[in-house]
Amino acid sequence: MSFHLTTKEKHDLRQAIYAPKNKQYTRQLSDKLKRKTQATAATQDLKKP
């Protein structure tokens, strides 16, 4: 599948990605995923014989 974006659409996407609030939310999500991954790994370690 391929699609093409106009210059304005590309600009709008970049603005959204780098908006301070979105960067903050991305950082928060990343932190939560890291904690979840660490908790899952710790749980799996406990289940090992």
Protein backbone atom coordinates (compact mmCIF):
# COMPACT_ATOMS: atom_id res chain seq x y z
CA MET A 1 0.00 0.00 0.00
CA SER A 2 1.32 3.41 -0.79
CA PHE A 3 -0.05 6.88 -0.50
CA HIS A 4 1.26 10.35 -0.99
CA LEU A 5 0.91 13.37 1.25
CA THR A 6 0.85 16.94 0.15
CA THR A 7 3.45 19.32 1.48
CA LYS A 8 0.83 20.86 3.77
CA GLU A 9 -0.19 17.44 5.12
CA LYS A 10 3.45 16.59 5.83
CA HIS A 11 3.86 19.92 7.59
CA ASP A 12 0.71 19.33 9.66
CA LEU A 13 1.95 15.89 10.70
CA ARG A 14 5.32 17.24 11.76
CA GLN A 15 3.66 19.99 13.76
CA ALA A 16 1.46 17.45 15.55
CA ILE A 17 4.33 15.06 16.27
CA TYR A 18 6.59 17.73 17.70
CA ALA A 19 3.94 19.69 19.60
CA PRO A 20 5.07 19.97 23.24
CA LYS A 21 1.89 18.38 24.62
CA ASN A 22 2.15 15.41 22.25
CA LYS A 23 5.82 14.93 23.13
CA GLN A 24 4.82 14.89 26.81
CA TYR A 25 2.11 12.28 26.18
CA THR A 26 4.51 10.18 24.12
CA ARG A 27 7.07 10.27 26.93
CA GLN A 28 4.41 9.28 29.48
CA LEU A 29 3.24 6.39 27.31
CA SER A 30 6.81 5.23 26.81
CA ASP A 31 7.43 5.28 30.57
CA LYS A 32 4.27 3.26 31.23
CA LEU A 33 5.20 0.70 28.60
CA LYS A 34 8.68 0.34 30.09
CA ARG A 35 7.24 -0.25 33.56
CA LYS A 36 4.74 -2.77 32.19
CA THR A 37 7.51 -4.60 30.33
CA GLN A 38 9.68 -4.67 33.45
CA ALA A 39 6.78 -5.94 35.57
CA THR A 40 5.99 -8.65 33.03
CA ALA A 41 9.63 -9.74 32.91
CA ALA A 42 9.78 -9.88 36.72
CA THR A 43 6.60 -11.97 36.83
CA GLN A 44 7.98 -14.37 34.25
CA ASP A 45 11.20 -14.71 36.25
CA LEU A 46 9.14 -15.77 39.28
CA LYS A 47 7.39 -18.47 37.24
CA LYS A 48 10.65 -20.10 36.14
CA PRO A 49 11.43 -23.36 37.94
